[in-house]
Amino acid sequence: MPRGIEIREKAEALTAAGMTVEDFDLLVAADAAKAEKPGALLATWLDDDTWRDELGEHHRKRKEAAAAQRTAASSSGDPLAGVYGA
């Protein structure tokens, strides 16, 4: 019972801090990709309140990949290639 209360309070605090379900799903996926022991990084990010940093890194890498894809598509001769997902 005490652990359940602690988890609920932590979840409420994270929600109040702006974490969404989508954010949590991204963190779970990043943990699965990076951690040797499942849940280890996720627990650290949540306990140390560094989850925003991890999400920021994920979003930065996604933007860089999209920009690289657009650059590669535009070098094919069509300046709009890749802009609209085609």
PDB file of N, CA and C in Angstrom:
ATOM      1  N   MET A   1       0.809  -1.202   0.000  1.00  0.00           N
ATOM      2  CA  MET A   1       0.000   0.000   0.000  1.00  0.00           C
ATOM      3  C   MET A   1       0.857   1.274   0.000  1.00  0.00           C
ATOM      4  N   PRO A   2       1.894   1.384   0.835  1.00  0.00           N
ATOM      5  CA  PRO A   2       2.706   2.607   0.816  1.00  0.00           C
ATOM      6  C   PRO A   2       3.377   2.834  -0.547  1.00  0.00           C
ATOM      7  N   ARG A   3       3.833   1.754  -1.201  1.00  0.00           N
ATOM      8  CA  ARG A   3       4.481   1.914  -2.512  1.00  0.00           C
ATOM      9  C   ARG A   3       3.474   2.408  -3.550  1.00  0.00           C
ATOM     10  N   GLY A   4       2.244   1.917  -3.466  1.00  0.00           N
ATOM     11  CA  GLY A   4       1.206   2.368  -4.386  1.00  0.00           C
ATOM     12  C   GLY A   4       0.913   3.852  -4.221  1.00  0.00           C
ATOM     13  N   ILE A   5       0.884   4.300  -2.993  1.00  0.00           N
ATOM     14  CA  ILE A   5       0.668   5.725  -2.719  1.00  0.00           C
ATOM     15  C   ILE A   5       1.833   6.541  -3.267  1.00  0.00           C
ATOM     16  N   GLU A   6       3.043   6.056  -3.060  1.00  0.00           N
ATOM     17  CA  GLU A   6       4.233   6.749  -3.557  1.00  0.00           C
ATOM     18  C   GLU A   6       4.208   6.855  -5.076  1.00  0.00           C
ATOM     19  N   ILE A   7       3.835   5.770  -5.741  1.00  0.00           N
ATOM     20  CA  ILE A   7       3.782   5.766  -7.205  1.00  0.00           C
ATOM     21  C   ILE A   7       2.716   6.730  -7.708  1.00  0.00           C
ATOM     22  N   ARG A   8       1.552   6.723  -7.069  1.00  0.00           N
ATOM     23  CA  ARG A   8       0.477   7.637  -7.468  1.00  0.00           C
ATOM     24  C   ARG A   8       0.915   9.089  -7.295  1.00  0.00           C
ATOM     25  N   GLU A   9       1.569   9.395  -6.191  1.00  0.00           N
ATOM     26  CA  GLU A   9       2.034  10.761  -5.951  1.00  0.00           C
ATOM     27  C   GLU A   9       3.077  11.172  -6.984  1.00  0.00           C
ATOM     28  N   LYS A  10       3.973  10.244  -7.325  1.00  0.00           N
ATOM     29  CA  LYS A  10       4.995  10.540  -8.335  1.00  0.00           C
ATOM     30  C   LYS A  10       4.339  10.780  -9.695  1.00  0.00           C
ATOM     31  N   ALA A  11       3.351   9.954 -10.036  1.00  0.00           N
ATOM     32  CA  ALA A  11       2.641  10.126 -11.307  1.00  0.00           C
ATOM     33  C   ALA A  11       1.923  11.466 -11.354  1.00  0.00           C
ATOM     34  N   GLU A  12       1.292  11.849 -10.264  1.00  0.00           N
ATOM     35  CA  GLU A  12       0.610  13.139 -10.203  1.00  0.00           C
ATOM     36  C   GLU A  12       1.599  14.290 -10.343  1.00  0.00           C
ATOM     37  N   ALA A  13       2.757  14.161  -9.721  1.00  0.00           N
ATOM     38  CA  ALA A  13       3.786  15.207  -9.820  1.00  0.00           C
ATOM     39  C   ALA A  13       4.311  15.315 -11.247  1.00  0.00           C
ATOM     40  N   LEU A  14       4.527  14.172 -11.913  1.00  0.00           N
ATOM     41  CA  LEU A  14       5.012  14.202 -13.286  1.00  0.00           C
ATOM     42  C   LEU A  14       3.976  14.812 -14.224  1.00  0.00           C
ATOM     43  N   THR A  15       2.722  14.485 -14.004  1.00  0.00           N
ATOM     44  CA  THR A  15       1.651  15.066 -14.809  1.00  0.00           C
ATOM     45  C   THR A  15       1.588  16.574 -14.593  1.00  0.00           C
ATOM     46  N   ALA A  16       1.693  16.990 -13.358  1.00  0.00           N
ATOM     47  CA  ALA A  16       1.680  18.428 -13.048  1.00  0.00           C
ATOM     48  C   ALA A  16       2.883  19.134 -13.659  1.00  0.00           C
ATOM     49  N   ALA A  17       3.992  18.403 -13.812  1.00  0.00           N
ATOM     50  CA  ALA A  17       5.203  18.981 -14.391  1.00  0.00           C
ATOM     51  C   ALA A  17       5.147  19.006 -15.920  1.00  0.00           C
ATOM     52  N   GLY A  18       4.084  18.435 -16.488  1.00  0.00           N
ATOM     53  CA  GLY A  18       3.916  18.524 -17.932  1.00  0.00           C
ATOM     54  C   GLY A  18       4.158  17.234 -18.701  1.00  0.00           C
ATOM     55  N   MET A  19       4.427  16.141 -18.035  1.00  0.00           N
ATOM     56  CA  MET A  19       4.650  14.890 -18.751  1.00  0.00           C
ATOM     57  C   MET A  19       3.321  14.366 -19.285  1.00  0.00           C
ATOM     58  N   THR A  20       3.369  13.904 -20.538  1.00  0.00           N
ATOM     59  CA  THR A  20       2.187  13.312 -21.155  1.00  0.00           C
ATOM     60  C   THR A  20       2.395  11.803 -21.291  1.00  0.00           C
ATOM     61  N   VAL A  21       1.339  11.121 -21.651  1.00  0.00           N
ATOM     62  CA  VAL A  21       1.431   9.677 -21.888  1.00  0.00           C
ATOM     63  C   VAL A  21       2.403   9.413 -23.042  1.00  0.00           C
ATOM     64  N   GLU A  22       2.366  10.258 -24.068  1.00  0.00           N
ATOM     65  CA  GLU A  22       3.271  10.106 -25.208  1.00  0.00           C
ATOM     66  C   GLU A  22       4.730  10.274 -24.769  1.00  0.00           C
ATOM     67  N   ASP A  23       4.974  11.235 -23.882  1.00  0.00           N
ATOM     68  CA  ASP A  23       6.322  11.429 -23.348  1.00  0.00           C
ATOM     69  C   ASP A  23       6.788  10.178 -22.615  1.00  0.00           C
ATOM     70  N   PHE A  24       5.912   9.631 -21.794  1.00  0.00           N
ATOM     71  CA  PHE A  24       6.263   8.434 -21.030  1.00  0.00           C
ATOM     72  C   PHE A  24       6.556   7.269 -21.971  1.00  0.00           C
ATOM     73  N   ASP A  25       5.743   7.123 -23.014  1.00  0.00           N
ATOM     74  CA  ASP A  25       5.977   6.053 -23.992  1.00  0.00           C
ATOM     75  C   ASP A  25       7.330   6.214 -24.671  1.00  0.00           C
ATOM     76  N   LEU A  26       7.711   7.450 -25.002  1.00  0.00           N
ATOM     77  CA  LEU A  26       9.020   7.699 -25.603  1.00  0.00           C
ATOM     78  C   LEU A  26      10.148   7.337 -24.645  1.00  0.00           C
ATOM     79  N   LEU A  27       9.978   7.672 -23.372  1.00  0.00           N
ATOM     80  CA  LEU A  27      10.989   7.334 -22.376  1.00  0.00           C
ATOM     81  C   LEU A  27      11.115   5.823 -22.203  1.00  0.00           C
ATOM     82  N   VAL A  28      10.002   5.126 -22.213  1.00  0.00           N
ATOM     83  CA  VAL A  28      10.029   3.666 -22.099  1.00  0.00           C
ATOM     84  C   VAL A  28      10.771   3.066 -23.297  1.00  0.00           C
ATOM     85  N   ALA A  29      10.487   3.571 -24.487  1.00  0.00           N
ATOM     86  CA  ALA A  29      11.161   3.074 -25.689  1.00  0.00           C
ATOM     87  C   ALA A  29      12.662   3.382 -25.649  1.00  0.00           C
ATOM     88  N   ALA A  30      13.024   4.577 -25.190  1.00  0.00           N
ATOM     89  CA  ALA A  30      14.446   4.934 -25.086  1.00  0.00           C
ATOM     90  C   ALA A  30      15.148   4.056 -24.065  1.00  0.00           C
ATOM     91  N   ASP A  31      14.482   3.772 -22.957  1.00  0.00           N
ATOM     92  CA  ASP A  31      15.047   2.881 -21.942  1.00  0.00           C
ATOM     93  C   ASP A  31      15.277   1.494 -22.529  1.00  0.00           C
ATOM     94  N   ALA A  32      14.302   0.992 -23.274  1.00  0.00           N
ATOM     95  CA  ALA A  32      14.424  -0.341 -23.869  1.00  0.00           C
ATOM     96  C   ALA A  32      15.587  -0.407 -24.854  1.00  0.00           C
ATOM     97  N   ALA A  33      15.832   0.704 -25.547  1.00  0.00           N
ATOM     98  CA  ALA A  33      16.908   0.731 -26.535  1.00  0.00           C
ATOM     99  C   ALA A  33      18.292   0.918 -25.909  1.00  0.00           C
ATOM    100  N   LYS A  34      18.361   1.593 -24.767  1.00  0.00           N
ATOM    101  CA  LYS A  34      19.650   1.973 -24.197  1.00  0.00           C
ATOM    102  C   LYS A  34      20.072   1.183 -22.961  1.00  0.00           C
ATOM    103  N   ALA A  35      19.127   0.758 -22.147  1.00  0.00           N
ATOM    104  CA  ALA A  35      19.456   0.189 -20.836  1.00  0.00           C
ATOM    105  C   ALA A  35      19.831  -1.288 -20.942  1.00  0.00           C
ATOM    106  N   GLU A  36      20.830  -1.676 -20.171  1.00  0.00           N
ATOM    107  CA  GLU A  36      21.180  -3.090 -20.075  1.00  0.00           C
ATOM    108  C   GLU A  36      20.134  -3.830 -19.262  1.00  0.00           C
ATOM    109  N   LYS A  37      19.629  -3.179 -18.217  1.00  0.00           N
ATOM    110  CA  LYS A  37      18.597  -3.754 -17.364  1.00  0.00           C
ATOM    111  C   LYS A  37      17.312  -2.971 -17.606  1.00  0.00           C
ATOM    112  N   PRO A  38      16.253  -3.621 -18.085  1.00  0.00           N
ATOM    113  CA  PRO A  38      15.020  -2.900 -18.391  1.00  0.00           C
ATOM    114  C   PRO A  38      14.512  -2.076 -17.204  1.00  0.00           C
ATOM    115  N   GLY A  39      14.212  -0.832 -17.489  1.00  0.00           N
ATOM    116  CA  GLY A  39      13.665   0.065 -16.476  1.00  0.00           C
ATOM    117  C   GLY A  39      14.702   0.855 -15.702  1.00  0.00           C
ATOM    118  N   ALA A  40      15.964   0.486 -15.829  1.00  0.00           N
ATOM    119  CA  ALA A  40      17.003   1.153 -15.036  1.00  0.00           C
ATOM    120  C   ALA A  40      17.140   2.633 -15.399  1.00  0.00           C
ATOM    121  N   LEU A  41      17.251   2.922 -16.681  1.00  0.00           N
ATOM    122  CA  LEU A  41      17.379   4.329 -17.090  1.00  0.00           C
ATOM    123  C   LEU A  41      16.087   5.095 -16.850  1.00  0.00           C
ATOM    124  N   LEU A  42      14.975   4.450 -17.115  1.00  0.00           N
ATOM    125  CA  LEU A  42      13.691   5.102 -16.892  1.00  0.00           C
ATOM    126  C   LEU A  42      13.560   5.531 -15.435  1.00  0.00           C
ATOM    127  N   ALA A  43      13.897   4.647 -14.529  1.00  0.00           N
ATOM    128  CA  ALA A  43      13.823   4.972 -13.102  1.00  0.00           C
ATOM    129  C   ALA A  43      14.744   6.139 -12.763  1.00  0.00           C
ATOM    130  N   THR A  44      15.935   6.137 -13.329  1.00  0.00           N
ATOM    131  CA  THR A  44      16.890   7.220 -13.071  1.00  0.00           C
ATOM    132  C   THR A  44      16.363   8.542 -13.596  1.00  0.00           C
ATOM    133  N   TRP A  45      15.843   8.529 -14.824  1.00  0.00           N
ATOM    134  CA  TRP A  45      15.321   9.768 -15.409  1.00  0.00           C
ATOM    135  C   TRP A  45      14.175  10.323 -14.580  1.00  0.00           C
ATOM    136  N   LEU A  46      13.308   9.453 -14.098  1.00  0.00           N
ATOM    137  CA  LEU A  46      12.160   9.920 -13.319  1.00  0.00           C
ATOM    138  C   LEU A  46      12.566  10.340 -11.913  1.00  0.00           C
ATOM    139  N   ASP A  47      13.409   9.538 -11.266  1.00  0.00           N
ATOM    140  CA  ASP A  47      13.817   9.854  -9.898  1.00  0.00           C
ATOM    141  C   ASP A  47      14.690  11.099  -9.825  1.00  0.00           C
ATOM    142  N   ASP A  48      15.580  11.265 -10.802  1.00  0.00           N
ATOM    143  CA  ASP A  48      16.489  12.418 -10.801  1.00  0.00           C
ATOM    144  C   ASP A  48      15.891  13.642 -11.499  1.00  0.00           C
ATOM    145  N   ASP A  49      14.667  13.486 -11.997  1.00  0.00           N
ATOM    146  CA  ASP A  49      13.974  14.561 -12.697  1.00  0.00           C
ATOM    147  C   ASP A  49      14.757  15.060 -13.905  1.00  0.00           C
ATOM    148  N   THR A  50      15.351  14.113 -14.648  1.00  0.00           N
ATOM    149  CA  THR A  50      16.093  14.439 -15.869  1.00  0.00           C
ATOM    150  C   THR A  50      15.352  13.954 -17.113  1.00  0.00           C
ATOM    151  N   TRP A  51      14.085  13.613 -16.957  1.00  0.00           N
ATOM    152  CA  TRP A  51      13.320  13.084 -18.085  1.00  0.00           C
ATOM    153  C   TRP A  51      13.150  14.113 -19.188  1.00  0.00           C
ATOM    154  N   ARG A  52      13.085  15.397 -18.839  1.00  0.00           N
ATOM    155  CA  ARG A  52      12.961  16.437 -19.872  1.00  0.00           C
ATOM    156  C   ARG A  52      14.209  16.480 -20.749  1.00  0.00           C
ATOM    157  N   ASP A  53      15.371  16.284 -20.138  1.00  0.00           N
ATOM    158  CA  ASP A  53      16.616  16.265 -20.903  1.00  0.00           C
ATOM    159  C   ASP A  53      16.613  15.125 -21.911  1.00  0.00           C
ATOM    160  N   GLU A  54      16.175  13.959 -21.484  1.00  0.00           N
ATOM    161  CA  GLU A  54      16.121  12.810 -22.369  1.00  0.00           C
ATOM    162  C   GLU A  54      15.129  13.032 -23.510  1.00  0.00           C
ATOM    163  N   LEU A  55      13.969  13.597 -23.195  1.00  0.00           N
ATOM    164  CA  LEU A  55      12.990  13.900 -24.241  1.00  0.00           C
ATOM    165  C   LEU A  55      13.536  14.947 -25.209  1.00  0.00           C
ATOM    166  N   GLY A  56      14.230  15.938 -24.670  1.00  0.00           N
ATOM    167  CA  GLY A  56      14.834  16.964 -25.522  1.00  0.00           C
ATOM    168  C   GLY A  56      15.847  16.366 -26.478  1.00  0.00           C
ATOM    169  N   GLU A  57      16.644  15.441 -25.990  1.00  0.00           N
ATOM    170  CA  GLU A  57      17.621  14.772 -26.850  1.00  0.00           C
ATOM    171  C   GLU A  57      16.908  13.971 -27.941  1.00  0.00           C
ATOM    172  N   HIS A  58      15.849  13.290 -27.574  1.00  0.00           N
ATOM    173  CA  HIS A  58      15.088  12.504 -28.550  1.00  0.00           C
ATOM    174  C   HIS A  58      14.512  13.415 -29.636  1.00  0.00           C
ATOM    175  N   HIS A  59      13.901  14.525 -29.237  1.00  0.00           N
ATOM    176  CA  HIS A  59      13.297  15.447 -30.205  1.00  0.00           C
ATOM    177  C   HIS A  59      14.369  16.098 -31.083  1.00  0.00           C
ATOM    178  N   ARG A  60      15.523  16.420 -30.499  1.00  0.00           N
ATOM    179  CA  ARG A  60      16.611  17.015 -31.275  1.00  0.00           C
ATOM    180  C   ARG A  60      17.087  16.037 -32.343  1.00  0.00           C
ATOM    181  N   LYS A  61      17.289  14.779 -31.980  1.00  0.00           N
ATOM    182  CA  LYS A  61      17.743  13.776 -32.941  1.00  0.00           C
ATOM    183  C   LYS A  61      16.714  13.555 -34.043  1.00  0.00           C
ATOM    184  N   ARG A  62      15.431  13.581 -33.672  1.00  0.00           N
ATOM    185  CA  ARG A  62      14.379  13.402 -34.673  1.00  0.00           C
ATOM    186  C   ARG A  62      14.370  14.562 -35.665  1.00  0.00           C
ATOM    187  N   LYS A  63      14.558  15.797 -35.176  1.00  0.00           N
ATOM    188  CA  LYS A  63      14.602  16.958 -36.067  1.00  0.00           C
ATOM    189  C   LYS A  63      15.816  16.905 -36.982  1.00  0.00           C
ATOM    190  N   GLU A  64      16.969  16.484 -36.435  1.00  0.00           N
ATOM    191  CA  GLU A  64      18.176  16.372 -37.248  1.00  0.00           C
ATOM    192  C   GLU A  64      17.998  15.327 -38.350  1.00  0.00           C
ATOM    193  N   ALA A  65      17.375  14.209 -38.017  1.00  0.00           N
ATOM    194  CA  ALA A  65      17.141  13.163 -39.005  1.00  0.00           C
ATOM    195  C   ALA A  65      16.198  13.653 -40.098  1.00  0.00           C
ATOM    196  N   ALA A  66      15.161  14.382 -39.721  1.00  0.00           N
ATOM    197  CA  ALA A  66      14.217  14.920 -40.707  1.00  0.00           C
ATOM    198  C   ALA A  66      14.907  15.938 -41.611  1.00  0.00           C
ATOM    199  N   ALA A  67      15.768  16.774 -41.035  1.00  0.00           N
ATOM    200  CA  ALA A  67      16.493  17.759 -41.836  1.00  0.00           C
ATOM    201  C   ALA A  67      17.453  17.071 -42.799  1.00  0.00           C
ATOM    202  N   ALA A  68      18.124  16.029 -42.327  1.00  0.00           N
ATOM    203  CA  ALA A  68      19.038  15.282 -43.196  1.00  0.00           C
ATOM    204  C   ALA A  68      18.274  14.615 -44.334  1.00  0.00           C
ATOM    205  N   GLN A  69      17.093  14.120 -44.024  1.00  0.00           N
ATOM    206  CA  GLN A  69      16.267  13.481 -45.053  1.00  0.00           C
ATOM    207  C   GLN A  69      15.831  14.511 -46.096  1.00  0.00           C
ATOM    208  N   ARG A  70      15.440  15.698 -45.643  1.00  0.00           N
ATOM    209  CA  ARG A  70      15.044  16.746 -46.592  1.00  0.00           C
ATOM    210  C   ARG A  70      16.223  17.172 -47.447  1.00  0.00           C
ATOM    211  N   THR A  71      17.407  17.279 -46.839  1.00  0.00           N
ATOM    212  CA  THR A  71      18.605  17.665 -47.582  1.00  0.00           C
ATOM    213  C   THR A  71      18.917  16.621 -48.638  1.00  0.00           C
ATOM    214  N   ALA A  72      18.849  15.360 -48.270  1.00  0.00           N
ATOM    215  CA  ALA A  72      19.125  14.286 -49.224  1.00  0.00           C
ATOM    216  C   ALA A  72      18.099  14.293 -50.349  1.00  0.00           C
ATOM    217  N   ALA A  73      16.845  14.532 -50.018  1.00  0.00           N
ATOM    218  CA  ALA A  73      15.792  14.556 -51.032  1.00  0.00           C
ATOM    219  C   ALA A  73      15.964  15.745 -51.965  1.00  0.00           C
ATOM    220  N   SER A  74      16.344  16.899 -51.424  1.00  0.00           N
ATOM    221  CA  SER A  74      16.494  18.082 -52.267  1.00  0.00           C
ATOM    222  C   SER A  74      17.724  17.979 -53.168  1.00  0.00           C
ATOM    223  N   SER A  75      18.707  17.210 -52.766  1.00  0.00           N
ATOM    224  CA  SER A  75      19.883  17.036 -53.615  1.00  0.00           C
ATOM    225  C   SER A  75      19.583  16.125 -54.791  1.00  0.00           C
ATOM    226  N   SER A  76      18.411  15.501 -54.802  1.00  0.00           N
ATOM    227  CA  SER A  76      18.019  14.641 -55.911  1.00  0.00           C
ATOM    228  C   SER A  76      17.526  15.457 -57.099  1.00  0.00           C
ATOM    229  N   GLY A  77      17.440  16.776 -56.960  1.00  0.00           N
ATOM    230  CA  GLY A  77      17.027  17.627 -58.048  1.00  0.00           C
ATOM    231  C   GLY A  77      15.648  18.227 -57.861  1.00  0.00           C
ATOM    232  N   ASP A  78      14.845  17.633 -57.038  1.00  0.00           N
ATOM    233  CA  ASP A  78      13.502  18.161 -56.776  1.00  0.00           C
ATOM    234  C   ASP A  78      13.531  18.886 -55.432  1.00  0.00           C
ATOM    235  N   PRO A  79      13.465  20.217 -55.433  1.00  0.00           N
ATOM    236  CA  PRO A  79      13.575  20.963 -54.173  1.00  0.00           C
ATOM    237  C   PRO A  79      12.446  20.685 -53.185  1.00  0.00           C
ATOM    238  N   LEU A  80      11.328  20.149 -53.649  1.00  0.00           N
ATOM    239  CA  LEU A  80      10.223  19.835 -52.745  1.00  0.00           C
ATOM    240  C   LEU A  80      10.146  18.358 -52.374  1.00  0.00           C
ATOM    241  N   ALA A  81      11.077  17.575 -52.885  1.00  0.00           N
ATOM    242  CA  ALA A  81      11.064  16.140 -52.568  1.00  0.00           C
ATOM    243  C   ALA A  81      11.256  15.954 -51.074  1.00  0.00           C
ATOM    244  N   GLY A  82      10.425  15.145 -50.477  1.00  0.00           N
ATOM    245  CA  GLY A  82      10.532  14.862 -49.057  1.00  0.00           C
ATOM    246  C   GLY A  82       9.843  15.862 -48.152  1.00  0.00           C
ATOM    247  N   VAL A  83       9.431  16.998 -48.690  1.00  0.00           N
ATOM    248  CA  VAL A  83       8.804  18.023 -47.854  1.00  0.00           C
ATOM    249  C   VAL A  83       7.433  17.566 -47.373  1.00  0.00           C
ATOM    250  N   TYR A  84       6.701  16.934 -48.238  1.00  0.00           N
ATOM    251  CA  TYR A  84       5.338  16.519 -47.899  1.00  0.00           C
ATOM    252  C   TYR A  84       5.242  15.020 -47.677  1.00  0.00           C
ATOM    253  N   GLY A  85       6.345  14.412 -47.295  1.00  0.00           N
ATOM    254  CA  GLY A  85       6.355  12.985 -46.981  1.00  0.00           C
ATOM    255  C   GLY A  85       6.434  12.102 -48.211  1.00  0.00           C
ATOM    256  N   ALA A  86       6.592  12.672 -49.350  1.00  0.00           N
ATOM    257  CA  ALA A  86       6.668  11.859 -50.576  1.00  0.00           C
ATOM    258  C   ALA A  86       8.096  11.699 -51.031  1.00  0.00           C
TER     259      ALA A  86
END
